[in-house]
Amino acid sequence: MKKYSILLLILAAVLPLSSCKQNQLPEWKEGMMDIHFISTARGECAYYVLPDGTTMMIDAGECVGAGRGKYPASRQRPDSLTRPSDAFAAYIKHFMPAASKDSLDYVVLTHLHIDHMGNTERGFAKDPEGGYILTGISAVNDKVPFRTVIDRCWPDYPTADPHFKKKSTRNWIQYMHFGDSTGRFKAEKFELGSTSQIALKHHPEKYPDFKVLNIAVNGYYWDGQKAVDGYDRAVEEPRENACSCCNYITYGDFDWYTGGDSHQPQMEIPIAKTIGHKIEAMKANHHMAWNTMDTLMLSILQPRVIVSVSYDTHKPWIPVLRENIYSDAGYTGPKSVYFLGLHPDLLQQMPELDEKAAFKDGHVVIRVLPGGKKYYVYVLDDCDPDYKVVKRDGPFICE
């Protein structure tokens, strides 16, 4: 009887632990590449762990005032009391590999909008030394060290442009100048056409088939040999969204494209033509809002997986879903679309979306296995501090 009681105690201790581990994202191991989309429904933030443990964050928006305007906002995650920047920092710390030494190697701001860099909400604290408001990326930096921060303009910001006179933009510029001048991080301008600006830091020799191409910025795209202007500047200057920093990542047979809020055929189509073939996955351009996800672009790229960051009833735009994404106008092949923070009103406007969407809520993680031959997509609970896995799809085979 005594031995039986001891066995029960052992089982009681071990089984819950085993069950808990089964609900966790398996630990990243060298050779894997993880692309995390962190869900708050108040801004966009992606966190990358590259094959040798090099880390990168792309954007960290903070729109605590979302929903005050024309389009109702989605429910904030994990709750209404947790600032997005705090949620981003906690998530990144949770999944930081040992090789990174608790720092982010690269931070890229795709463009200067508050849902990507942070707003200057009244009541936010200021950095005691730099005097800038801690918001979005700068607030994450208050908790996580950065090594290199890249934006589309550094150091020559066009101050004559009205956009650069906005308080939120001026706050970003102040943050960049202070961080670079004090050695807090190295500030850089996004180098169009470069395959070396964002590179593996630890063991690049192990992964010769890994590459990050800076494929578009400031309304210019890389055609494989030179920078090409996507706009006739005598007629139209690209707006801030169209100036987004865009990356094309290849790892083995896995291809990934992310273009910030780049939109309009002037950018979407030539970027797709530069890539020139079917890819495994992409982030939806400009949250699938109006005038995005062109069908010709889709017919070239034919992504198996699309991740779309949503946070109000305008993103995604229902006609874009019906006419571009879930029609055969772009391509007829299989497609899995994962949404972060999809507003329930959109399901009323498009009831079939409930079945068509691969998932509608949660953190989304694309995990590429060593060698880049196949990948999985995980969805994590965005209201759970332990980030439990609620869905796993795959393996998807890279072509």
Protein backbone atom coordinates (compact mmCIF):
# COMPACT_ATOMS: atom_id res chain seq x y z
CA MET A 1 0.00 0.00 0.00
CA LYS A 2 2.81 2.38 0.84
CA LYS A 3 4.51 1.73 -2.55
CA TYR A 4 1.16 2.24 -4.32
CA SER A 5 0.66 5.62 -2.57
CA ILE A 6 4.16 6.76 -3.54
CA LEU A 7 3.46 5.76 -7.17
CA LEU A 8 0.25 7.83 -7.15
CA LEU A 9 2.13 10.83 -5.80
CA ILE A 10 4.74 10.49 -8.54
CA LEU A 11 2.08 10.23 -11.25
CA ALA A 12 0.20 13.22 -9.84
CA ALA A 13 3.37 15.27 -10.01
CA VAL A 14 4.48 14.13 -13.46
CA LEU A 15 1.27 13.94 -15.49
CA PRO A 16 0.21 17.60 -15.21
CA LEU A 17 3.73 18.66 -16.19
CA SER A 18 3.67 16.35 -19.21
CA SER A 19 0.23 17.62 -20.25
CA CYS A 20 1.41 21.22 -19.88
CA LYS A 21 4.43 20.59 -22.10
CA GLN A 22 2.21 19.08 -24.78
CA ASN A 23 0.34 22.40 -24.94
CA GLN A 24 3.47 24.52 -25.36
CA LEU A 25 5.23 25.56 -28.52
CA PRO A 26 8.15 23.11 -28.85
CA GLU A 27 11.42 24.79 -28.00
CA TRP A 28 13.28 26.47 -30.87
CA LYS A 29 16.43 24.59 -31.82
CA GLU A 30 19.31 25.70 -34.01
CA GLY A 31 18.52 25.24 -37.67
CA MET A 32 14.88 26.19 -37.24
CA MET A 33 13.49 29.55 -38.31
CA ASP A 34 10.54 30.99 -36.38
CA ILE A 35 8.36 33.88 -37.51
CA HIS A 36 6.07 35.03 -34.68
CA PHE A 37 3.19 37.46 -35.10
CA ILE A 38 2.30 38.82 -31.66
CA SER A 39 -1.41 39.51 -31.19
CA THR A 40 -2.62 42.56 -29.24
CA ALA A 41 -5.25 44.00 -31.66
CA ARG A 42 -3.58 47.38 -31.07
CA GLY A 43 -0.63 47.29 -33.41
CA GLU A 44 1.61 45.09 -35.51
CA CYS A 45 4.70 43.30 -34.23
CA ALA A 46 6.62 40.36 -35.69
CA TYR A 47 9.47 38.56 -33.93
CA TYR A 48 11.94 36.37 -35.84
CA VAL A 49 14.37 33.75 -34.61
CA LEU A 50 16.66 32.96 -37.55
CA PRO A 51 18.40 29.60 -38.06
CA ASP A 52 21.52 30.37 -35.98
CA GLY A 53 19.66 32.19 -33.20
CA THR A 54 19.95 35.70 -34.66
CA THR A 55 16.86 37.66 -33.62
CA MET A 56 14.86 40.40 -35.25
CA MET A 57 11.74 42.41 -34.45
CA ILE A 58 9.80 44.08 -37.23
CA ASP A 59 7.55 46.89 -35.95
CA ALA A 60 5.91 47.23 -32.55
CA GLY A 61 2.83 49.39 -32.87
CA GLU A 62 0.86 50.82 -29.98
CA CYS A 63 -2.62 52.24 -30.67
CA VAL A 64 -4.24 52.37 -27.26
CA GLY A 65 -6.84 54.79 -28.61
CA ALA A 66 -7.98 52.42 -31.36
CA GLY A 67 -11.72 52.36 -31.93
CA ARG A 68 -12.31 56.05 -31.29
CA GLY A 69 -12.76 56.79 -34.98
CA LYS A 70 -14.86 55.53 -37.82
CA TYR A 71 -14.12 51.81 -37.50
CA PRO A 72 -14.81 49.89 -34.25
CA ALA A 73 -11.74 48.19 -32.79
CA SER A 74 -11.28 44.52 -32.02
CA ARG A 75 -11.03 43.40 -28.42
CA GLN A 76 -7.60 44.16 -27.01
CA ARG A 77 -5.33 41.23 -26.11
CA PRO A 78 -4.43 39.91 -23.61
CA ASP A 79 -6.69 42.44 -21.85
CA SER A 80 -7.52 46.13 -21.85
CA LEU A 81 -5.06 46.90 -19.00
CA THR A 82 -1.90 45.52 -20.61
CA ARG A 83 -0.13 47.95 -22.90
CA PRO A 84 0.79 46.47 -26.28
CA SER A 85 4.47 47.26 -25.76
CA ASP A 86 4.43 45.35 -22.47
CA ALA A 87 2.76 42.40 -24.21
CA PHE A 88 5.35 42.46 -27.00
CA ALA A 89 8.28 42.61 -24.57
CA ALA A 90 6.92 39.78 -22.41
CA TYR A 91 6.33 37.57 -25.44
CA ILE A 92 9.79 38.20 -26.89
CA LYS A 93 11.50 37.50 -23.56
CA HIS A 94 9.52 34.25 -23.24
CA PHE A 95 10.72 32.95 -26.62
CA MET A 96 14.23 34.46 -26.69
CA PRO A 97 16.86 31.82 -27.54
CA ALA A 98 20.02 31.58 -25.44
CA ALA A 99 22.20 32.50 -28.44
CA SER A 100 20.71 36.01 -28.54
CA LYS A 101 21.95 36.81 -25.01
CA ASP A 102 18.61 38.48 -24.19
CA SER A 103 19.03 41.14 -26.89
CA LEU A 104 17.45 41.76 -30.27
CA ASP A 105 20.04 41.79 -33.04
CA TYR A 106 17.87 43.77 -35.46
CA VAL A 107 14.81 45.98 -35.15
CA VAL A 108 13.18 47.21 -38.35
CA LEU A 109 10.52 49.90 -38.47
CA THR A 110 8.74 49.38 -41.77
CA HIS A 111 7.23 52.89 -41.82
CA LEU A 112 6.33 55.75 -39.53
CA HIS A 113 2.73 55.05 -38.54
CA ILE A 114 1.61 54.62 -34.95
CA ASP A 115 0.27 51.07 -35.44
CA HIS A 116 3.85 50.11 -36.34
CA MET A 117 6.02 52.36 -34.12
CA GLY A 118 3.74 53.58 -31.27
CA ASN A 119 1.60 56.63 -30.56
CA THR A 120 2.23 59.44 -28.10
CA GLU A 121 -0.77 58.86 -25.88
CA ARG A 122 -1.15 61.23 -22.99
CA GLY A 123 0.09 59.65 -19.78
CA PHE A 124 2.86 57.55 -21.30
CA ALA A 125 6.17 57.91 -19.47
CA LYS A 126 9.27 59.50 -20.99
CA ASP A 127 12.76 58.09 -21.11
CA PRO A 128 14.53 59.87 -18.24
CA GLU A 129 17.67 60.52 -20.28
CA GLY A 130 16.46 60.91 -23.85
CA GLY A 131 13.20 62.72 -23.08
CA TYR A 132 11.25 60.85 -25.77
CA ILE A 133 7.93 59.17 -24.99
CA LEU A 134 8.22 55.45 -24.34
CA THR A 135 5.79 53.96 -26.83
CA GLY A 136 5.75 51.02 -29.18
CA ILE A 137 9.29 50.17 -30.27
CA SER A 138 10.96 52.57 -27.82
CA ALA A 139 8.90 51.13 -24.95
CA VAL A 140 9.92 47.58 -25.89
CA ASN A 141 13.52 48.86 -25.96
CA ASP A 142 13.04 50.02 -22.37
CA LYS A 143 12.73 46.33 -21.44
CA VAL A 144 14.76 44.54 -24.13
CA PRO A 145 18.19 45.72 -25.41
CA PHE A 146 18.52 46.39 -29.16
CA ARG A 147 21.74 46.18 -31.17
CA THR A 148 20.70 47.72 -34.50
CA VAL A 149 17.60 49.75 -35.35
CA ILE A 150 16.75 50.28 -39.03
CA ASP A 151 14.20 52.65 -40.54
CA ARG A 152 13.52 54.04 -44.00
CA CYS A 153 15.13 57.48 -43.57
CA TRP A 154 17.97 57.61 -41.06
CA PRO A 155 19.56 60.09 -40.57
CA ASP A 156 18.02 62.51 -43.10
CA TYR A 157 14.34 62.82 -42.29
CA PRO A 158 12.45 65.08 -44.76
CA THR A 159 11.32 67.72 -42.29
CA ALA A 160 9.47 69.69 -44.98
CA ASP A 161 7.02 66.79 -45.29
CA PRO A 162 3.96 67.46 -43.05
CA HIS A 163 4.05 63.82 -41.94
CA PHE A 164 7.42 64.42 -40.28
CA LYS A 165 5.98 67.28 -38.24
CA LYS A 166 3.55 65.00 -36.42
CA LYS A 167 4.24 64.50 -32.73
CA SER A 168 4.53 60.72 -33.07
CA THR A 169 7.04 61.01 -35.93
CA ARG A 170 9.11 63.65 -34.14
CA ASN A 171 9.16 61.41 -31.10
CA TRP A 172 10.57 58.55 -33.22
CA ILE A 173 13.29 60.79 -34.66
CA GLN A 174 14.26 61.94 -31.16
CA TYR A 175 14.48 58.29 -30.07
CA MET A 176 16.69 57.34 -33.02
CA HIS A 177 19.11 60.23 -32.56
CA PHE A 178 19.43 59.66 -28.83
CA GLY A 179 19.86 55.90 -29.13
CA ASP A 180 22.52 56.16 -31.81
CA SER A 181 24.43 59.06 -30.22
CA THR A 182 24.63 57.37 -26.82
CA GLY A 183 25.53 53.92 -28.12
CA ARG A 184 22.28 52.43 -26.89
CA PHE A 185 21.98 50.94 -30.36
CA LYS A 186 23.32 51.51 -33.87
CA ALA A 187 20.88 53.37 -36.15
CA GLU A 188 20.87 52.54 -39.86
CA LYS A 189 18.93 53.37 -43.01
CA PHE A 190 17.30 50.46 -44.82
CA GLU A 191 19.57 49.65 -47.78
CA LEU A 192 17.56 48.79 -50.88
CA GLY A 193 18.92 45.74 -52.71
CA SER A 194 21.19 44.69 -49.85
CA THR A 195 21.53 41.05 -48.85
CA SER A 196 24.09 41.81 -46.15
CA GLN A 197 22.46 44.50 -43.97
CA ILE A 198 20.36 41.87 -42.20
CA ALA A 199 22.55 38.79 -41.87
CA LEU A 200 23.10 35.89 -39.52
CA LYS A 201 25.24 36.93 -36.55
CA HIS A 202 26.36 33.68 -34.96
CA HIS A 203 27.05 30.88 -37.47
CA PRO A 204 26.36 32.18 -40.98
CA GLU A 205 28.74 29.60 -42.45
CA LYS A 206 26.33 26.84 -41.42
CA TYR A 207 23.46 28.29 -43.45
CA PRO A 208 24.66 29.37 -46.90
CA ASP A 209 21.13 28.95 -48.26
CA PHE A 210 19.71 31.64 -45.93
CA LYS A 211 19.31 35.20 -47.22
CA VAL A 212 17.40 38.39 -46.46
CA LEU A 213 16.92 40.68 -49.46
CA ASN A 214 15.81 44.28 -48.84
CA ILE A 215 13.44 44.32 -51.78
CA ALA A 216 11.62 47.68 -51.51
CA VAL A 217 11.61 50.97 -49.59
CA ASN A 218 10.48 54.58 -50.04
CA GLY A 219 8.40 53.72 -53.09
CA TYR A 220 11.37 52.12 -54.89
CA TYR A 221 11.71 48.40 -55.57
CA TRP A 222 14.68 46.22 -56.44
CA ASP A 223 14.36 44.60 -59.88
CA GLY A 224 17.24 42.19 -59.29
CA GLN A 225 19.94 44.58 -60.48
CA LYS A 226 18.97 48.15 -59.62
CA ALA A 227 16.50 50.37 -57.76
CA VAL A 228 13.40 51.31 -59.76
CA ASP A 229 10.89 54.02 -58.84
CA GLY A 230 7.41 52.62 -58.56
CA TYR A 231 5.86 56.09 -58.96
CA ASP A 232 5.83 58.91 -61.47
CA ARG A 233 6.86 61.55 -58.95
CA ALA A 234 5.70 64.36 -61.22
CA VAL A 235 2.17 62.99 -60.84
CA GLU A 236 2.12 61.26 -57.46
CA GLU A 237 4.38 60.98 -54.43
CA PRO A 238 4.04 57.69 -52.54
CA ARG A 239 2.30 58.00 -49.20
CA GLU A 240 3.83 56.69 -46.00
CA ASN A 241 2.37 53.18 -46.35
CA ALA A 242 3.85 52.79 -49.82
CA CYS A 243 7.28 53.79 -48.45
CA SER A 244 7.42 50.68 -46.24
CA CYS A 245 10.61 48.65 -45.84
CA CYS A 246 9.97 45.26 -47.48
CA ASN A 247 11.95 42.02 -47.01
CA TYR A 248 12.16 38.81 -48.99
CA ILE A 249 13.64 35.91 -47.00
CA THR A 250 14.78 32.59 -48.40
CA TYR A 251 15.89 29.59 -46.36
CA GLY A 252 16.42 26.42 -48.36
CA ASP A 253 13.21 25.93 -50.32
CA PHE A 254 11.21 28.19 -47.99
CA ASP A 255 10.34 31.67 -49.30
CA TRP A 256 8.79 34.43 -47.19
CA TYR A 257 7.75 37.95 -48.13
CA THR A 258 6.77 40.76 -45.78
CA GLY A 259 5.98 44.26 -47.01
CA GLY A 260 4.74 46.30 -44.06
CA ASP A 261 1.84 48.40 -45.28
CA SER A 262 3.09 48.53 -48.86
CA HIS A 263 0.06 48.61 -51.12
CA GLN A 264 -1.27 49.64 -54.53
CA PRO A 265 -0.35 47.86 -57.78
CA GLN A 266 2.62 50.24 -58.26
CA MET A 267 4.48 48.35 -55.52
CA GLU A 268 2.74 45.00 -55.16
CA ILE A 269 3.10 43.86 -58.77
CA PRO A 270 6.76 44.77 -59.47
CA ILE A 271 7.89 43.30 -56.13
CA ALA A 272 6.08 40.08 -57.02
CA LYS A 273 7.73 40.10 -60.47
CA THR A 274 11.17 40.52 -58.89
CA ILE A 275 10.51 37.45 -56.72
CA GLY A 276 9.08 35.82 -59.82
CA HIS A 277 7.75 32.52 -58.52
CA LYS A 278 5.49 30.78 -56.07
CA ILE A 279 6.35 31.33 -52.40
CA GLU A 280 5.44 29.46 -49.24
CA ALA A 281 4.09 32.30 -47.12
CA MET A 282 3.66 36.06 -46.77
CA LYS A 283 2.31 38.71 -44.46
CA ALA A 284 -0.75 40.39 -45.94
CA ASN A 285 0.05 43.85 -47.25
CA HIS A 286 -1.51 46.70 -45.23
CA HIS A 287 -3.68 44.40 -43.13
CA MET A 288 -5.71 43.48 -46.25
CA ALA A 289 -7.26 46.95 -46.25
CA TRP A 290 -8.69 48.62 -49.34
CA ASN A 291 -6.60 48.52 -52.54
CA THR A 292 -4.28 45.72 -51.40
CA MET A 293 -3.45 42.11 -52.28
CA ASP A 294 -3.64 42.65 -56.03
CA THR A 295 -4.74 39.56 -57.97
CA LEU A 296 -1.80 39.74 -60.39
CA MET A 297 0.56 39.79 -57.40
CA LEU A 298 -1.24 36.78 -55.97
CA SER A 299 -1.12 34.94 -59.29
CA ILE A 300 2.70 35.23 -59.26
CA LEU A 301 3.39 34.51 -55.59
CA GLN A 302 0.56 32.01 -54.89
CA PRO A 303 1.30 31.88 -51.14
CA ARG A 304 0.15 28.74 -49.36
CA VAL A 305 -0.03 30.65 -46.05
CA ILE A 306 -1.00 34.29 -45.50
CA VAL A 307 -0.88 36.01 -42.10
CA SER A 308 -3.05 39.11 -41.70
CA VAL A 309 -2.86 41.45 -38.71
CA SER A 310 -6.30 42.90 -37.97
CA TYR A 311 -7.65 45.21 -35.32
CA ASP A 312 -10.78 46.95 -36.58
CA THR A 313 -13.72 46.52 -38.98
CA HIS A 314 -11.74 48.04 -41.87
CA LYS A 315 -8.93 45.50 -41.76
CA PRO A 316 -9.45 43.24 -43.62
CA TRP A 317 -11.65 44.89 -46.25
CA ILE A 318 -14.49 42.52 -47.20
CA PRO A 319 -14.26 43.11 -51.00
CA VAL A 320 -10.53 42.28 -50.83
CA LEU A 321 -11.36 39.00 -49.11
CA ARG A 322 -14.15 38.06 -51.50
CA GLU A 323 -12.70 39.29 -54.79
CA ASN A 324 -8.96 38.76 -54.28
CA ILE A 325 -8.17 36.32 -51.49
CA TYR A 326 -11.00 33.78 -51.56
CA SER A 327 -11.74 33.89 -55.27
CA ASP A 328 -9.95 32.19 -58.14
CA ALA A 329 -8.98 35.55 -59.65
CA GLY A 330 -5.49 35.36 -58.18
CA TYR A 331 -4.82 31.61 -58.02
CA THR A 332 -6.75 28.42 -57.48
CA GLY A 333 -4.28 26.58 -55.30
CA PRO A 334 -4.78 25.89 -51.59
CA LYS A 335 -4.47 28.87 -49.26
CA SER A 336 -4.60 29.14 -45.48
CA VAL A 337 -5.21 32.62 -44.09
CA TYR A 338 -4.49 33.21 -40.40
CA PHE A 339 -5.93 36.38 -38.88
CA LEU A 340 -4.84 38.10 -35.68
CA GLY A 341 -7.65 39.97 -33.90
CA LEU A 342 -10.39 39.53 -36.48
CA HIS A 343 -13.38 41.71 -35.51
CA PRO A 344 -16.62 39.69 -35.02
CA ASP A 345 -18.59 42.20 -37.11
CA LEU A 346 -16.61 41.05 -40.14
CA LEU A 347 -17.99 37.55 -39.66
CA GLN A 348 -21.49 39.00 -39.81
CA GLN A 349 -20.64 40.82 -43.02
CA MET A 350 -19.05 37.70 -44.51
CA PRO A 351 -20.47 34.61 -42.74
CA GLU A 352 -18.52 32.21 -44.95
CA LEU A 353 -15.30 33.63 -43.47
CA ASP A 354 -15.96 31.62 -40.33
CA GLU A 355 -15.18 28.44 -42.27
CA LYS A 356 -12.74 29.85 -44.82
CA ALA A 357 -10.30 31.40 -42.30
CA ALA A 358 -7.62 29.02 -41.03
CA PHE A 359 -7.88 30.86 -37.68
CA LYS A 360 -9.28 34.17 -36.46
CA ASP A 361 -7.58 34.91 -33.12
CA GLY A 362 -4.23 34.30 -31.47
CA HIS A 363 -0.51 34.65 -31.88
CA VAL A 364 0.62 33.00 -35.13
CA VAL A 365 3.98 31.23 -35.43
CA ILE A 366 5.44 29.92 -38.66
CA ARG A 367 8.12 27.36 -37.82
CA VAL A 368 10.45 26.34 -40.63
CA LEU A 369 12.29 23.11 -39.94
CA PRO A 370 16.06 22.78 -40.43
CA GLY A 371 17.04 22.92 -44.07
CA GLY A 372 13.91 24.79 -45.11
CA LYS A 373 12.13 21.76 -46.59
CA LYS A 374 8.90 21.98 -44.61
CA TYR A 375 7.15 24.13 -42.04
CA TYR A 376 4.29 24.21 -39.54
CA VAL A 377 1.92 26.95 -38.47
CA TYR A 378 1.07 27.20 -34.78
CA VAL A 379 -1.62 29.37 -33.20
CA LEU A 380 -1.05 30.33 -29.57
CA ASP A 381 -3.63 31.60 -27.09
CA ASP A 382 -3.25 35.40 -27.03
CA CYS A 383 -4.95 35.72 -23.62
CA ASP A 384 -2.82 33.10 -21.87
CA PRO A 385 0.46 34.17 -20.19
CA ASP A 386 1.85 30.68 -20.93
CA TYR A 387 1.05 31.03 -24.66
CA LYS A 388 -0.55 27.61 -24.93
CA VAL A 389 -0.87 26.10 -28.40
CA VAL A 390 -4.48 25.99 -29.59
CA LYS A 391 -3.82 24.75 -33.14
CA ARG A 392 -1.06 23.26 -35.24
CA ASP A 393 -1.29 22.94 -39.01
CA GLY A 394 1.13 21.12 -41.26
CA PRO A 395 3.60 19.99 -42.14
CA PHE A 396 3.50 22.10 -45.29
CA ILE A 397 6.05 20.99 -47.88
CA CYS A 398 8.21 23.71 -49.43
CA GLU A 399 8.27 23.71 -53.22
